[in-house]
Amino acid sequence: MLKVENGNVRIFPIRRYVEKSLTVPGSKSITNRVLVVSAMNSRKIKIKNVLVSDDTNHMLNALESLGFTINKYHYSRENDFPEIAEFVKFIESRAKDGLVVEIGGECIPSGYMEREIFTGNSGTTMRFLCSFIPLFNGVFTLDGDQRMRERPISDLTNALKQIGVDIKDSNGFPPVTINAKGEVKGGSVRISGKISSQFVSSMILSAPMYSQGLEMEVVDCLVSKPFVDMSLKILELFGVSAENDNYKKIVIPKGKYSRKEDFFVEPDLTNAFYFLSIPCIIPAKISIYGIGKNTVQGDIEFLKILEEVGCKIYTEDNHITVEGDGNPKGIEVDMNNIPDLVQTLSVIALFADRPTSIRNVHNLRVKETDRIKAICSEIKKLGGKVEEYEDGLKIIPQKNYTPGVISTYNDHRMAMSFSLLGLRIDGIVISDYRCTSKTFPSYWSYFEFLYQDHLY
């Protein structure tokens, strides 16, 4: 049971075995990539299961501001997921969180325009548009909220300058001003991927429209490699082949996006893992439908971690099941490829049989908040013990924790990951719970489904 009061939500523990099958809304990472690519597609297509969230709304609004015609319809999962009809009926009576979007089949508008585009704190919107907007004609300003103005972007703007784009940031941060000429030459470019793989993905998505394509040399150690894989896979699904030489050299030829079929956006695997991790916290068996072993989402790697901490994993074509007794094992792990799940593992680690060390995730310090610092602060608030490193942390589990109010720092992943604590510890309150609107506005309705037909 959840109790909402004064912008906070209190979570009540579940004291019996939980067995639930559900799905989650579409992937934010896929949605915003596919929206950009579909806008350049040679024919109009329908994108199904488009996520409705702050981040995706910023992208949709930006594309409409740039002159693209976008038709939107409500998307129901009733026909796509007959195996979980009970859940679909439950959730669709509370949340309408999916869209069908029609887009594409138009040329990039050639007329001169001046636009100021607000991206909120959506990193994908800000960064993907930096490489896309130079294909237009006019002067454009990309800006965001205060936290976005604190997130570095110079690695991307410097790379775009190398291929002739007239782009200017603000001492390495947004806002960004682009004097767009209606075309981008492309060619050879060097780009750093040590802060964010989104810089690399940004150039990948628009590169087929550059007159010479793009030959990208990635310097430094690329973080979050699976998200670059996702971008390259989406190119392939829209008819453009690219070459990836061990993430050091990526070649995208001049091409044409030419997908004919409708596109289904997979459920967001990062968000699915808040539920799939429940068997690490309390005895449970959880299944997520609509996604399986052939996913394009790199966060599937987290299944190996759940298995290492002691869960049983079952992966099929159309669903993933995790089963566990709520007694995880402590581990040592490099999470450079899947940093968005560090908060989730940190919560699991509080109940482990020995310490858990998480390393090589220095880029968490420039996410929606300084996530390493935020995790450590909230664990200490609970009476937990944690060691903070520049690139990670070590959680030393305790027998008992002090319940209290969890600060979320306006970070959706802080709210969702720490909500799992309340399933086991009485008295956990999540502050500013609506911050989940960034990628999962209806999260708390989905969370409420866990309590259906259960005593707590």
Protein backbone atom coordinates (compact mmCIF):
# COMPACT_ATOMS: atom_id res chain seq x y z
CA MET A 1 0.00 0.00 0.00
CA LEU A 2 1.12 3.54 -0.73
CA LYS A 3 0.09 6.64 1.16
CA VAL A 4 0.51 10.01 -0.56
CA GLU A 5 0.77 13.12 1.57
CA ASN A 6 2.19 16.61 0.95
CA GLY A 7 4.13 15.64 -2.16
CA ASN A 8 5.66 12.58 -0.50
CA VAL A 9 4.73 8.93 -0.65
CA ARG A 10 5.00 6.41 2.18
CA ILE A 11 5.57 2.79 1.26
CA PHE A 12 4.31 -0.08 3.41
CA PRO A 13 6.17 -3.41 3.57
CA ILE A 14 4.87 -6.61 2.01
CA ARG A 15 5.16 -9.50 4.44
CA ARG A 16 4.37 -12.41 2.15
CA TYR A 17 5.58 -13.97 -1.09
CA VAL A 18 4.88 -11.84 -4.16
CA GLU A 19 4.29 -13.33 -7.62
CA LYS A 20 3.37 -10.82 -10.29
CA SER A 21 3.46 -10.53 -14.09
CA LEU A 22 3.37 -7.09 -15.67
CA THR A 23 4.97 -4.83 -18.26
CA VAL A 24 6.30 -1.27 -18.14
CA PRO A 25 6.00 1.68 -20.57
CA GLY A 26 8.20 2.06 -23.62
CA SER A 27 11.92 2.75 -23.44
CA LYS A 28 12.91 6.40 -23.19
CA SER A 29 16.24 5.71 -24.84
CA ILE A 30 14.61 3.96 -27.80
CA THR A 31 11.73 6.42 -28.05
CA ASN A 32 13.90 9.53 -28.42
CA ARG A 33 16.30 7.84 -30.82
CA VAL A 34 13.49 6.54 -33.01
CA LEU A 35 11.67 9.89 -33.00
CA VAL A 36 14.75 11.63 -34.42
CA VAL A 37 15.41 8.93 -37.01
CA SER A 38 11.74 8.65 -38.00
CA ALA A 39 11.56 12.39 -38.64
CA MET A 40 14.17 11.79 -41.37
CA ASN A 41 12.53 8.60 -42.68
CA SER A 42 11.56 8.60 -46.36
CA ARG A 43 7.98 7.61 -45.62
CA LYS A 44 5.50 8.13 -42.81
CA ILE A 45 5.44 5.32 -40.26
CA LYS A 46 3.71 4.59 -36.97
CA ILE A 47 5.74 4.24 -33.80
CA LYS A 48 3.85 2.18 -31.23
CA ASN A 49 4.27 2.17 -27.44
CA VAL A 50 5.95 5.59 -27.45
CA LEU A 51 6.71 6.59 -23.87
CA VAL A 52 4.77 9.51 -22.43
CA SER A 53 7.16 11.33 -20.08
CA ASP A 54 8.93 14.64 -19.57
CA ASP A 55 11.94 13.59 -21.66
CA THR A 56 9.94 12.29 -24.60
CA ASN A 57 7.52 15.22 -24.50
CA HIS A 58 10.49 17.58 -24.81
CA MET A 59 11.61 15.70 -27.93
CA LEU A 60 8.12 15.64 -29.47
CA ASN A 61 7.64 19.35 -28.78
CA ALA A 62 11.03 20.14 -30.30
CA LEU A 63 10.27 18.22 -33.50
CA GLU A 64 6.92 19.98 -33.85
CA SER A 65 8.64 23.33 -33.30
CA LEU A 66 11.03 22.43 -36.11
CA GLY A 67 8.09 22.00 -38.48
CA PHE A 68 7.41 18.25 -38.50
CA THR A 69 3.82 17.00 -38.59
CA ILE A 70 3.22 14.56 -35.74
CA ASN A 71 -0.06 12.72 -35.21
CA LYS A 72 -0.57 11.15 -31.78
CA TYR A 73 -3.03 8.48 -30.65
CA HIS A 74 -3.49 6.62 -27.40
CA TYR A 75 -1.83 3.21 -27.38
CA SER A 76 -3.43 0.29 -25.54
CA ARG A 77 -1.48 -2.84 -24.70
CA GLU A 78 -4.64 -4.93 -24.45
CA ASN A 79 -4.07 -6.81 -27.71
CA ASP A 80 -0.28 -7.03 -27.48
CA PHE A 81 -0.10 -8.61 -24.03
CA PRO A 82 -2.94 -11.15 -23.60
CA GLU A 83 -0.82 -13.08 -21.06
CA ILE A 84 -1.12 -10.23 -18.55
CA ALA A 85 -4.66 -9.07 -19.26
CA GLU A 86 -5.35 -8.63 -15.53
CA PHE A 87 -2.47 -6.20 -15.19
CA VAL A 88 -3.32 -4.29 -18.38
CA LYS A 89 -6.88 -3.83 -17.17
CA PHE A 90 -5.61 -2.63 -13.79
CA ILE A 91 -3.06 -0.15 -15.10
CA GLU A 92 -5.06 1.29 -17.99
CA SER A 93 -7.83 2.22 -15.57
CA ARG A 94 -5.24 4.41 -13.83
CA ALA A 95 -2.70 5.51 -16.44
CA LYS A 96 -2.69 6.29 -20.15
CA ASP A 97 1.05 6.19 -20.64
CA GLY A 98 1.57 5.00 -24.20
CA LEU A 99 1.19 6.63 -27.60
CA VAL A 100 1.10 5.72 -31.25
CA VAL A 101 2.98 8.44 -33.11
CA GLU A 102 2.81 8.98 -36.89
CA ILE A 103 5.82 10.81 -38.26
CA GLY A 104 8.12 10.88 -41.30
CA GLY A 105 7.76 11.14 -45.03
CA GLU A 106 8.65 14.85 -45.04
CA CYS A 107 11.75 16.66 -46.16
CA ILE A 108 13.64 18.62 -43.56
CA PRO A 109 12.10 22.13 -43.75
CA SER A 110 14.32 24.37 -45.87
CA GLY A 111 12.91 27.79 -44.95
CA TYR A 112 14.79 30.10 -42.61
CA MET A 113 13.60 29.96 -39.01
CA GLU A 114 14.60 31.15 -35.57
CA ARG A 115 13.73 28.92 -32.63
CA GLU A 116 14.41 28.67 -28.92
CA ILE A 117 13.91 25.09 -27.82
CA PHE A 118 13.60 24.11 -24.16
CA THR A 119 14.81 20.60 -23.32
CA GLY A 120 14.24 20.56 -19.57
CA ASN A 121 16.72 18.09 -18.07
CA SER A 122 16.47 15.68 -20.98
CA GLY A 123 20.01 14.79 -21.97
CA THR A 124 18.94 12.87 -25.06
CA THR A 125 16.84 15.77 -26.37
CA MET A 126 19.55 18.37 -25.82
CA ARG A 127 22.36 16.25 -27.23
CA PHE A 128 20.60 14.54 -30.14
CA LEU A 129 19.27 17.87 -31.44
CA CYS A 130 22.76 19.39 -31.45
CA SER A 131 23.70 17.12 -34.37
CA PHE A 132 20.28 17.22 -36.06
CA ILE A 133 19.47 20.94 -36.09
CA PRO A 134 22.49 21.92 -38.26
CA LEU A 135 20.58 20.26 -41.14
CA PHE A 136 18.01 23.08 -40.91
CA ASN A 137 18.37 26.72 -41.91
CA GLY A 138 18.33 29.44 -39.28
CA VAL A 139 19.42 30.33 -35.77
CA PHE A 140 18.51 27.98 -32.95
CA THR A 141 19.06 28.07 -29.21
CA LEU A 142 18.89 24.89 -27.16
CA ASP A 143 18.43 25.47 -23.45
CA GLY A 144 17.31 23.49 -20.42
CA ASP A 145 16.66 23.75 -16.72
CA GLN A 146 19.30 24.66 -14.17
CA ARG A 147 20.66 21.10 -13.85
CA MET A 148 20.96 20.80 -17.65
CA ARG A 149 23.05 23.98 -17.60
CA GLU A 150 25.44 22.15 -15.26
CA ARG A 151 25.86 19.08 -17.50
CA PRO A 152 28.91 19.21 -19.81
CA ILE A 153 28.42 19.34 -23.57
CA SER A 154 31.70 20.66 -25.00
CA ASP A 155 32.90 17.23 -26.18
CA LEU A 156 29.93 17.19 -28.58
CA THR A 157 30.05 20.84 -29.66
CA ASN A 158 33.81 20.61 -30.30
CA ALA A 159 33.29 17.54 -32.47
CA LEU A 160 30.57 19.26 -34.49
CA LYS A 161 32.83 22.26 -35.07
CA GLN A 162 35.36 19.90 -36.68
CA ILE A 163 32.90 19.14 -39.48
CA GLY A 164 31.98 22.75 -40.12
CA VAL A 165 28.98 23.25 -37.83
CA ASP A 166 28.64 26.79 -36.50
CA ILE A 167 27.78 25.92 -32.89
CA LYS A 168 28.58 27.65 -29.62
CA ASP A 169 28.12 26.47 -26.04
CA SER A 170 28.38 28.47 -22.82
CA ASN A 171 31.84 27.72 -21.42
CA GLY A 172 31.32 24.03 -22.09
CA PHE A 173 27.70 23.84 -20.94
CA PRO A 174 24.22 24.64 -22.31
CA PRO A 175 22.64 26.78 -23.55
CA VAL A 176 23.84 26.02 -27.07
CA THR A 177 23.42 28.30 -30.08
CA ILE A 178 23.49 26.87 -33.62
CA ASN A 179 23.75 28.96 -36.79
CA ALA A 180 22.41 26.28 -39.12
CA LYS A 181 23.19 26.38 -42.85
CA GLY A 182 20.82 23.67 -44.09
CA GLU A 183 23.53 21.09 -44.64
CA VAL A 184 26.46 19.42 -42.89
CA LYS A 185 29.50 18.29 -44.80
CA GLY A 186 30.46 15.48 -42.43
CA GLY A 187 33.68 13.59 -42.97
CA SER A 188 36.29 12.76 -40.33
CA VAL A 189 35.87 13.72 -36.69
CA ARG A 190 37.44 12.95 -33.32
CA ILE A 191 35.14 12.80 -30.30
CA SER A 192 35.54 11.91 -26.63
CA GLY A 193 33.12 9.47 -25.07
CA LYS A 194 34.42 9.47 -21.51
CA ILE A 195 31.63 11.69 -20.12
CA SER A 196 28.62 10.46 -22.06
CA SER A 197 27.97 8.00 -24.86
CA GLN A 198 25.07 10.26 -25.89
CA PHE A 199 27.58 12.55 -27.61
CA VAL A 200 28.60 9.68 -29.89
CA SER A 201 24.99 8.54 -30.40
CA SER A 202 23.98 12.10 -31.28
CA MET A 203 26.33 12.21 -34.25
CA ILE A 204 25.50 8.63 -35.28
CA LEU A 205 21.76 9.34 -35.60
CA SER A 206 22.14 12.32 -37.95
CA ALA A 207 25.27 11.21 -39.81
CA PRO A 208 23.46 9.50 -42.75
CA MET A 209 22.08 12.93 -43.69
CA TYR A 210 25.53 14.54 -43.84
CA SER A 211 26.81 14.97 -47.39
CA GLN A 212 29.91 12.84 -46.75
CA GLY A 213 28.54 10.66 -43.99
CA LEU A 214 30.78 10.40 -40.95
CA GLU A 215 34.01 8.68 -39.98
CA MET A 216 34.23 8.98 -36.22
CA GLU A 217 37.33 8.33 -34.14
CA VAL A 218 36.34 7.83 -30.51
CA VAL A 219 39.10 8.93 -28.15
CA ASP A 220 39.34 8.17 -24.43
CA CYS A 221 37.40 5.30 -22.88
CA LEU A 222 33.81 5.23 -24.13
CA VAL A 223 31.27 4.88 -21.31
CA SER A 224 27.89 3.13 -21.64
CA LYS A 225 28.86 1.25 -24.81
CA PRO A 226 25.51 -0.61 -25.03
CA PHE A 227 23.75 2.68 -25.75
CA VAL A 228 25.99 3.21 -28.79
CA ASP A 229 25.07 -0.34 -29.84
CA MET A 230 21.42 0.66 -29.52
CA SER A 231 21.91 3.68 -31.78
CA LEU A 232 23.70 1.60 -34.42
CA LYS A 233 20.98 -1.07 -34.27
CA ILE A 234 18.29 1.55 -34.83
CA LEU A 235 20.17 2.78 -37.90
CA GLU A 236 20.15 -0.79 -39.20
CA LEU A 237 16.41 -1.17 -38.52
CA PHE A 238 15.83 1.97 -40.61
CA GLY A 239 17.93 0.78 -43.54
CA VAL A 240 21.39 2.24 -42.87
CA SER A 241 24.42 0.02 -42.21
CA ALA A 242 27.38 1.27 -40.18
CA GLU A 243 30.77 -0.12 -39.23
CA ASN A 244 31.99 -0.29 -35.64
CA ASP A 245 35.64 -1.11 -35.05
CA ASN A 246 35.68 -1.91 -31.33
CA TYR A 247 34.22 1.50 -30.44
CA LYS A 248 37.41 3.18 -31.61
CA LYS A 249 36.31 3.93 -35.14
CA ILE A 250 32.68 4.16 -36.25
CA VAL A 251 31.85 4.76 -39.91
CA ILE A 252 28.36 5.82 -41.03
CA PRO A 253 27.89 6.25 -44.78
CA LYS A 254 25.72 8.87 -46.39
CA GLY A 255 22.38 7.16 -46.72
CA LYS A 256 18.63 7.31 -46.54
CA TYR A 257 16.35 6.19 -43.76
CA SER A 258 13.80 4.00 -45.51
CA ARG A 259 11.87 1.89 -43.02
CA LYS A 260 8.44 0.74 -44.29
CA GLU A 261 7.08 -1.14 -41.27
CA ASP A 262 5.62 0.27 -38.09
CA PHE A 263 8.03 0.32 -35.14
CA PHE A 264 7.25 -1.08 -31.68
CA VAL A 265 9.17 0.53 -28.81
CA GLU A 266 10.26 -2.12 -26.33
CA PRO A 267 9.35 -1.65 -22.66
CA ASP A 268 12.03 0.31 -20.83
CA LEU A 269 14.41 -2.28 -19.40
CA THR A 270 16.04 0.11 -16.93
CA ASN A 271 12.61 0.83 -15.45
CA ALA A 272 11.66 -2.84 -15.63
CA PHE A 273 14.57 -3.66 -13.33
CA TYR A 274 12.97 -1.79 -10.43
CA PHE A 275 10.42 -4.60 -10.47
CA LEU A 276 12.74 -7.41 -11.52
CA SER A 277 14.98 -6.51 -8.56
CA ILE A 278 12.20 -7.03 -6.00
CA PRO A 279 13.15 -10.71 -5.46
CA CYS A 280 16.47 -9.43 -4.10
CA ILE A 281 14.61 -7.43 -1.43
CA ILE A 282 11.73 -9.75 -0.44
CA PRO A 283 10.80 -13.32 -1.46
CA ALA A 284 9.20 -12.92 -4.87
CA LYS A 285 8.87 -14.00 -8.47
CA ILE A 286 8.42 -11.17 -10.97
CA SER A 287 7.91 -11.37 -14.75
CA ILE A 288 8.10 -8.48 -17.21
CA TYR A 289 6.41 -8.99 -20.60
CA GLY A 290 7.13 -7.39 -23.96
CA ILE A 291 10.90 -7.74 -23.77
CA GLY A 292 13.24 -10.72 -23.85
CA LYS A 293 16.54 -12.16 -24.88
CA ASN A 294 16.63 -10.36 -28.25
CA THR A 295 16.34 -6.86 -26.78
CA VAL A 296 18.38 -3.99 -28.22
CA GLN A 297 18.79 -2.54 -24.72
CA GLY A 298 22.20 -3.05 -23.18
CA ASP A 299 20.88 -2.96 -19.61
CA ILE A 300 20.07 -6.64 -20.12
CA GLU A 301 23.57 -7.09 -18.63
CA PHE A 302 22.03 -6.43 -15.23
CA LEU A 303 20.48 -9.90 -15.33
CA LYS A 304 23.98 -11.32 -14.85
CA ILE A 305 24.33 -9.21 -11.73
CA LEU A 306 20.97 -10.37 -10.37
CA GLU A 307 22.07 -13.95 -10.98
CA GLU A 308 25.38 -13.29 -9.23
CA VAL A 309 23.61 -11.94 -6.14
CA GLY A 310 21.60 -15.16 -5.96
CA CYS A 311 18.43 -14.87 -8.07
CA LYS A 312 17.12 -17.40 -10.59
CA ILE A 313 16.75 -15.93 -14.07
CA TYR A 314 14.46 -17.10 -16.88
CA THR A 315 14.73 -15.25 -20.22
CA GLU A 316 12.36 -16.00 -23.09
CA ASP A 317 11.57 -14.23 -26.36
CA ASN A 318 8.76 -12.16 -24.89
CA HIS A 319 9.37 -12.01 -21.16
CA ILE A 320 11.94 -12.04 -18.39
CA THR A 321 11.37 -13.66 -14.99
CA VAL A 322 13.44 -13.21 -11.84
CA GLU A 323 12.90 -15.28 -8.71
CA GLY A 324 14.63 -14.87 -5.35
CA ASP A 325 14.35 -15.25 -1.58
CA GLY A 326 15.17 -11.65 -0.62
CA ASN A 327 18.62 -12.54 0.68
CA PRO A 328 21.18 -11.23 -1.83
CA LYS A 329 24.92 -11.82 -1.87
CA GLY A 330 27.45 -9.02 -1.87
CA ILE A 331 29.55 -8.64 -5.03
CA GLU A 332 32.29 -6.57 -6.63
CA VAL A 333 31.30 -5.22 -10.04
CA ASP A 334 32.32 -2.80 -12.80
CA MET A 335 29.13 -1.06 -13.98
CA ASN A 336 30.61 1.23 -16.61
CA ASN A 337 28.34 -0.24 -19.28
CA ILE A 338 25.13 0.05 -17.23
CA PRO A 339 25.50 3.07 -14.91
CA ASP A 340 21.76 3.80 -14.74
CA LEU A 341 21.34 0.70 -12.58
CA VAL A 342 23.89 1.62 -9.93
CA GLN A 343 21.23 3.06 -7.63
CA THR A 344 19.19 -0.12 -7.93
CA LEU A 345 22.13 -2.35 -7.02
CA SER A 346 23.04 -0.01 -4.17
CA VAL A 347 19.63 -0.58 -2.57
CA ILE A 348 19.91 -4.35 -3.07
CA ALA A 349 23.36 -4.23 -1.46
CA LEU A 350 21.92 -2.90 1.80
CA PHE A 351 20.50 -6.37 2.47
CA ALA A 352 23.43 -8.45 1.22
CA ASP A 353 25.46 -10.96 3.23
CA ARG A 354 28.68 -9.02 2.72
CA PRO A 355 29.88 -5.68 1.26
CA THR A 356 29.23 -4.70 -2.36
CA SER A 357 31.71 -2.60 -4.35
CA ILE A 358 30.66 -0.72 -7.50
CA ARG A 359 33.39 0.89 -9.59
CA ASN A 360 34.14 2.66 -12.89
CA VAL A 361 31.00 4.81 -12.93
CA HIS A 362 32.57 8.27 -12.62
CA ASN A 363 30.07 9.70 -15.14
CA LEU A 364 27.29 9.30 -12.55
CA ARG A 365 28.49 12.58 -11.10
CA VAL A 366 27.16 14.51 -14.11
CA LYS A 367 23.74 12.87 -14.41
CA GLU A 368 20.44 14.35 -13.17
CA THR A 369 22.29 14.81 -9.89
CA ASP A 370 25.66 13.69 -8.55
CA ARG A 371 24.32 10.19 -8.12
CA ILE A 372 27.31 8.78 -6.26
CA LYS A 373 27.09 11.51 -3.65
CA ALA A 374 23.29 11.24 -3.45
CA ILE A 375 23.33 7.46 -2.92
CA CYS A 376 25.92 7.75 -0.16
CA SER A 377 24.00 10.55 1.58
CA GLU A 378 20.74 8.62 1.65
CA ILE A 379 22.33 5.37 2.81
CA LYS A 380 23.98 7.21 5.71
CA LYS A 381 20.64 8.81 6.55
CA LEU A 382 19.26 5.28 7.05
CA GLY A 383 22.06 4.40 9.43
CA GLY A 384 23.93 2.48 6.76
CA LYS A 385 27.65 2.40 6.14
CA VAL A 386 29.13 3.35 2.78
CA GLU A 387 32.48 4.39 1.39
CA GLU A 388 32.46 6.97 -1.41
CA TYR A 389 35.03 6.89 -4.21
CA GLU A 390 35.49 9.25 -7.13
CA ASP A 391 34.31 6.53 -9.52
CA GLY A 392 31.99 4.47 -7.32
CA LEU A 393 31.12 3.32 -3.83
CA LYS A 394 31.21 0.44 -1.37
CA ILE A 395 28.13 -0.50 0.65
CA ILE A 396 28.64 -2.32 3.96
CA PRO A 397 25.31 -3.92 4.92
CA GLN A 398 23.91 -3.57 8.45
CA LYS A 399 21.44 -5.71 10.38
CA ASN A 400 19.04 -2.85 10.97
CA TYR A 401 18.25 0.48 9.35
CA THR A 402 16.51 3.62 10.55
CA PRO A 403 13.39 4.46 8.55
CA GLY A 404 12.96 7.99 7.31
CA VAL A 405 12.41 10.37 4.41
CA ILE A 406 14.50 9.71 1.29
CA SER A 407 15.57 12.83 -0.60
CA THR A 408 15.32 12.38 -4.37
CA TYR A 409 17.31 15.40 -5.63
CA ASN A 410 14.78 15.77 -8.48
CA ASP A 411 16.24 12.52 -9.85
CA HIS A 412 13.73 9.98 -11.06
CA ARG A 413 16.10 7.06 -10.49
CA MET A 414 16.69 8.00 -6.85
CA ALA A 415 12.94 7.88 -6.25
CA MET A 416 12.31 4.58 -8.01
CA SER A 417 15.32 2.67 -6.74
CA PHE A 418 14.93 3.71 -3.10
CA SER A 419 11.21 2.91 -3.20
CA LEU A 420 12.26 -0.75 -3.07
CA LEU A 421 13.44 -0.20 0.51
CA GLY A 422 9.86 0.30 1.64
CA LEU A 423 8.90 -3.22 0.63
CA ARG A 424 11.10 -4.49 3.48
CA ILE A 425 11.60 -1.58 5.92
CA ASP A 426 8.57 0.01 7.55
CA GLY A 427 8.47 3.80 7.60
CA ILE A 428 10.20 4.61 4.28
CA VAL A 429 8.95 7.86 2.73
CA ILE A 430 10.01 9.08 -0.73
CA SER A 431 10.05 12.87 -1.05
CA ASP A 432 9.09 14.70 -4.24
CA TYR A 433 7.83 11.42 -5.66
CA ARG A 434 6.51 13.07 -8.82
CA CYS A 435 10.07 13.47 -10.13
CA THR A 436 9.55 10.05 -11.76
CA SER A 437 7.71 11.98 -14.50
CA LYS A 438 11.06 12.35 -16.26
CA THR A 439 10.87 8.79 -17.63
CA PHE A 440 8.05 6.96 -15.78
CA PRO A 441 5.20 9.28 -14.68
CA SER A 442 2.90 6.38 -13.78
CA TYR A 443 5.51 4.46 -11.75
CA TRP A 444 3.55 4.64 -8.53
CA SER A 445 0.44 3.14 -10.14
CA TYR A 446 2.57 0.24 -11.35
CA PHE A 447 4.10 -0.07 -7.88
CA GLU A 448 0.60 -0.21 -6.37
CA PHE A 449 -0.10 -3.32 -8.47
CA LEU A 450 2.33 -5.23 -6.25
CA TYR A 451 -0.13 -4.94 -3.38
CA GLN A 452 -3.15 -6.30 -5.23
CA ASP A 453 -4.48 -9.47 -3.52
CA HIS A 454 -1.64 -9.37 -0.96
CA LEU A 455 -1.57 -8.70 2.74
CA TYR A 456 1.00 -6.18 3.89
